[in-house]
Amino acid sequence: MLSYIRTPPKNFEGFVYQYFRERGEFILSAVNAYGNGNATAGHYQVNHPPSSRVHNSAQFQKNLKKMFVELEMLS
């Protein structure tokens, strides 16, 4: 995802920019939820907290927290 934002495919720069601009808040929220173990992959919904926490590996959480910071800097 970060690579597409930083270097969008040739002739798709406008599409990529608009796509991530429109969905930025949702993407940040989802990445944060996955990193904290609060969402099942593919089933994240805003304002619908899960009934239980999901176990994510420490490495997965670390990677998502790093991605969250990088995405926040781009927004």
N, C-alpha and C. Protein backbone atom coordinates (compact mmCIF):
# COMPACT_ATOMS: atom_id res chain seq x y z
N MET A 1 0.83 -1.18 0.00
CA MET A 1 0.00 0.00 0.00
C MET A 1 0.88 1.24 0.00
N LEU A 2 1.87 1.27 0.87
CA LEU A 2 2.74 2.44 0.93
C LEU A 2 3.48 2.66 -0.38
N SER A 3 3.87 1.58 -1.03
CA SER A 3 4.61 1.73 -2.28
C SER A 3 3.72 2.34 -3.36
N TYR A 4 2.43 2.00 -3.40
CA TYR A 4 1.51 2.60 -4.37
C TYR A 4 1.30 4.08 -4.09
N ILE A 5 1.26 4.43 -2.82
CA ILE A 5 1.07 5.84 -2.47
C ILE A 5 2.32 6.64 -2.84
N ARG A 6 3.48 6.09 -2.52
CA ARG A 6 4.73 6.80 -2.79
C ARG A 6 5.07 6.84 -4.27
N THR A 7 4.82 5.74 -4.97
CA THR A 7 5.15 5.63 -6.38
C THR A 7 3.99 4.98 -7.12
N PRO A 8 2.97 5.76 -7.43
CA PRO A 8 1.82 5.18 -8.13
C PRO A 8 2.19 4.74 -9.54
N PRO A 9 1.48 3.75 -10.09
CA PRO A 9 1.74 3.31 -11.46
C PRO A 9 1.58 4.48 -12.44
N LYS A 10 2.42 4.49 -13.43
CA LYS A 10 2.39 5.55 -14.44
C LYS A 10 0.98 5.66 -15.04
N ASN A 11 0.53 6.88 -15.19
CA ASN A 11 -0.78 7.23 -15.74
C ASN A 11 -1.94 6.95 -14.77
N PHE A 12 -1.65 6.46 -13.57
CA PHE A 12 -2.69 6.21 -12.57
C PHE A 12 -2.47 7.07 -11.32
N GLU A 13 -1.60 8.06 -11.42
CA GLU A 13 -1.27 8.89 -10.26
C GLU A 13 -2.51 9.55 -9.66
N GLY A 14 -3.35 10.14 -10.51
CA GLY A 14 -4.56 10.80 -10.03
C GLY A 14 -5.53 9.85 -9.36
N PHE A 15 -5.69 8.68 -9.96
CA PHE A 15 -6.59 7.67 -9.39
C PHE A 15 -6.10 7.22 -8.02
N VAL A 16 -4.81 6.92 -7.92
CA VAL A 16 -4.24 6.45 -6.65
C VAL A 16 -4.38 7.54 -5.59
N TYR A 17 -4.04 8.77 -5.96
CA TYR A 17 -4.14 9.87 -5.01
C TYR A 17 -5.58 10.00 -4.49
N GLN A 18 -6.54 10.02 -5.39
CA GLN A 18 -7.94 10.19 -4.99
C GLN A 18 -8.44 8.99 -4.18
N TYR A 19 -8.07 7.79 -4.59
CA TYR A 19 -8.50 6.57 -3.89
C TYR A 19 -8.09 6.62 -2.42
N PHE A 20 -6.81 6.90 -2.19
CA PHE A 20 -6.32 6.90 -0.80
C PHE A 20 -6.77 8.15 -0.05
N ARG A 21 -6.98 9.26 -0.72
CA ARG A 21 -7.47 10.47 -0.07
C ARG A 21 -8.90 10.24 0.43
N GLU A 22 -9.74 9.61 -0.38
CA GLU A 22 -11.13 9.35 0.00
C GLU A 22 -11.25 8.31 1.11
N ARG A 23 -10.35 7.35 1.13
CA ARG A 23 -10.45 6.24 2.08
C ARG A 23 -9.42 6.31 3.21
N GLY A 24 -8.69 7.39 3.28
CA GLY A 24 -7.60 7.52 4.24
C GLY A 24 -8.00 7.29 5.69
N GLU A 25 -9.08 7.93 6.10
CA GLU A 25 -9.53 7.80 7.49
C GLU A 25 -9.89 6.35 7.82
N PHE A 26 -10.61 5.70 6.91
CA PHE A 26 -10.99 4.30 7.11
C PHE A 26 -9.76 3.40 7.15
N ILE A 27 -8.82 3.62 6.24
CA ILE A 27 -7.60 2.81 6.18
C ILE A 27 -6.81 2.96 7.47
N LEU A 28 -6.62 4.19 7.94
CA LEU A 28 -5.89 4.41 9.19
C LEU A 28 -6.58 3.72 10.36
N SER A 29 -7.89 3.84 10.41
CA SER A 29 -8.65 3.21 11.49
C SER A 29 -8.52 1.68 11.45
N ALA A 30 -8.57 1.12 10.25
CA ALA A 30 -8.46 -0.34 10.11
C ALA A 30 -7.06 -0.82 10.48
N VAL A 31 -6.03 -0.14 10.00
CA VAL A 31 -4.65 -0.53 10.32
C VAL A 31 -4.44 -0.47 11.83
N ASN A 32 -4.96 0.58 12.46
CA ASN A 32 -4.83 0.71 13.92
C ASN A 32 -5.55 -0.43 14.64
N ALA A 33 -6.74 -0.78 14.19
CA ALA A 33 -7.51 -1.86 14.82
C ALA A 33 -6.80 -3.21 14.65
N TYR A 34 -6.32 -3.49 13.44
CA TYR A 34 -5.60 -4.75 13.21
C TYR A 34 -4.34 -4.82 14.08
N GLY A 35 -3.62 -3.70 14.18
CA GLY A 35 -2.39 -3.67 14.96
C GLY A 35 -2.64 -3.88 16.45
N ASN A 36 -3.82 -3.49 16.91
CA ASN A 36 -4.15 -3.67 18.32
C ASN A 36 -4.91 -4.96 18.59
N GLY A 37 -5.11 -5.77 17.54
CA GLY A 37 -5.81 -7.05 17.72
C GLY A 37 -7.30 -6.89 17.87
N ASN A 38 -7.86 -5.80 17.37
CA ASN A 38 -9.29 -5.54 17.55
C ASN A 38 -10.11 -5.80 16.30
N ALA A 39 -9.56 -6.51 15.33
CA ALA A 39 -10.30 -6.79 14.10
C ALA A 39 -9.81 -8.10 13.50
N THR A 40 -10.73 -8.82 12.91
CA THR A 40 -10.41 -10.03 12.17
C THR A 40 -10.12 -9.62 10.74
N ALA A 41 -9.05 -10.10 10.17
CA ALA A 41 -8.66 -9.71 8.81
C ALA A 41 -9.83 -9.87 7.86
N GLY A 42 -10.12 -8.81 7.12
CA GLY A 42 -11.20 -8.82 6.15
C GLY A 42 -12.57 -8.51 6.72
N HIS A 43 -12.66 -8.28 8.03
CA HIS A 43 -13.97 -8.05 8.64
C HIS A 43 -14.01 -6.79 9.49
N TYR A 44 -13.20 -5.80 9.16
CA TYR A 44 -13.20 -4.56 9.94
C TYR A 44 -14.37 -3.68 9.51
N GLN A 45 -15.07 -3.12 10.49
CA GLN A 45 -16.15 -2.17 10.22
C GLN A 45 -16.04 -1.03 11.22
N VAL A 46 -16.18 0.18 10.73
CA VAL A 46 -16.14 1.35 11.60
C VAL A 46 -17.35 1.31 12.53
N ASN A 47 -17.13 1.69 13.79
CA ASN A 47 -18.20 1.77 14.80
C ASN A 47 -18.86 0.44 15.12
N HIS A 48 -18.21 -0.67 14.81
CA HIS A 48 -18.72 -1.98 15.18
C HIS A 48 -17.59 -2.76 15.84
N PRO A 49 -17.36 -2.49 17.13
CA PRO A 49 -16.27 -3.19 17.81
C PRO A 49 -16.52 -4.69 17.88
N PRO A 50 -15.46 -5.49 17.78
CA PRO A 50 -15.63 -6.94 17.86
C PRO A 50 -16.02 -7.36 19.27
N SER A 51 -16.59 -8.52 19.38
CA SER A 51 -17.00 -9.01 20.70
C SER A 51 -15.81 -9.54 21.49
N SER A 52 -14.72 -9.84 20.80
CA SER A 52 -13.52 -10.31 21.49
C SER A 52 -12.28 -9.87 20.72
N ARG A 53 -11.15 -9.88 21.41
CA ARG A 53 -9.90 -9.52 20.77
C ARG A 53 -9.40 -10.70 19.94
N VAL A 54 -8.66 -10.38 18.89
CA VAL A 54 -8.10 -11.38 18.00
C VAL A 54 -6.61 -11.46 18.28
N HIS A 55 -6.07 -12.67 18.34
CA HIS A 55 -4.63 -12.81 18.57
C HIS A 55 -3.87 -12.54 17.28
N ASN A 56 -3.03 -11.53 17.31
CA ASN A 56 -2.11 -11.24 16.22
C ASN A 56 -0.70 -11.41 16.75
N SER A 57 0.19 -11.91 15.92
CA SER A 57 1.56 -12.10 16.36
C SER A 57 2.18 -10.74 16.70
N ALA A 58 3.18 -10.78 17.55
CA ALA A 58 3.87 -9.55 17.94
C ALA A 58 4.49 -8.88 16.72
N GLN A 59 5.04 -9.66 15.80
CA GLN A 59 5.65 -9.10 14.59
C GLN A 59 4.61 -8.42 13.71
N PHE A 60 3.44 -9.04 13.57
CA PHE A 60 2.36 -8.46 12.79
C PHE A 60 1.94 -7.12 13.38
N GLN A 61 1.75 -7.08 14.69
CA GLN A 61 1.36 -5.84 15.36
C GLN A 61 2.43 -4.77 15.21
N LYS A 62 3.69 -5.17 15.34
CA LYS A 62 4.80 -4.22 15.20
C LYS A 62 4.82 -3.63 13.78
N ASN A 63 4.64 -4.48 12.77
CA ASN A 63 4.62 -4.01 11.38
C ASN A 63 3.47 -3.05 11.12
N LEU A 64 2.29 -3.36 11.66
CA LEU A 64 1.14 -2.49 11.45
C LEU A 64 1.27 -1.17 12.18
N LYS A 65 1.86 -1.19 13.36
CA LYS A 65 2.06 0.06 14.09
C LYS A 65 3.04 0.96 13.33
N LYS A 66 4.07 0.36 12.75
CA LYS A 66 5.02 1.12 11.93
C LYS A 66 4.30 1.67 10.69
N MET A 67 3.48 0.85 10.05
CA MET A 67 2.74 1.28 8.87
C MET A 67 1.78 2.42 9.23
N PHE A 68 1.14 2.32 10.39
CA PHE A 68 0.21 3.35 10.83
C PHE A 68 0.92 4.70 10.92
N VAL A 69 2.09 4.70 11.53
CA VAL A 69 2.86 5.95 11.67
C VAL A 69 3.22 6.51 10.29
N GLU A 70 3.67 5.64 9.40
CA GLU A 70 4.04 6.09 8.05
C GLU A 70 2.84 6.62 7.29
N LEU A 71 1.70 5.96 7.40
CA LEU A 71 0.49 6.42 6.72
C LEU A 71 0.01 7.76 7.30
N GLU A 72 0.11 7.90 8.61
CA GLU A 72 -0.30 9.14 9.24
C GLU A 72 0.55 10.31 8.74
N MET A 73 1.84 10.07 8.55
CA MET A 73 2.72 11.13 8.06
C MET A 73 2.36 11.55 6.64
N LEU A 74 1.80 10.62 5.85
CA LEU A 74 1.43 10.92 4.47
C LEU A 74 0.09 11.63 4.37
N SER A 75 -0.73 11.51 5.43
CA SER A 75 -2.07 12.09 5.33
C SER A 75 -2.09 13.56 5.64
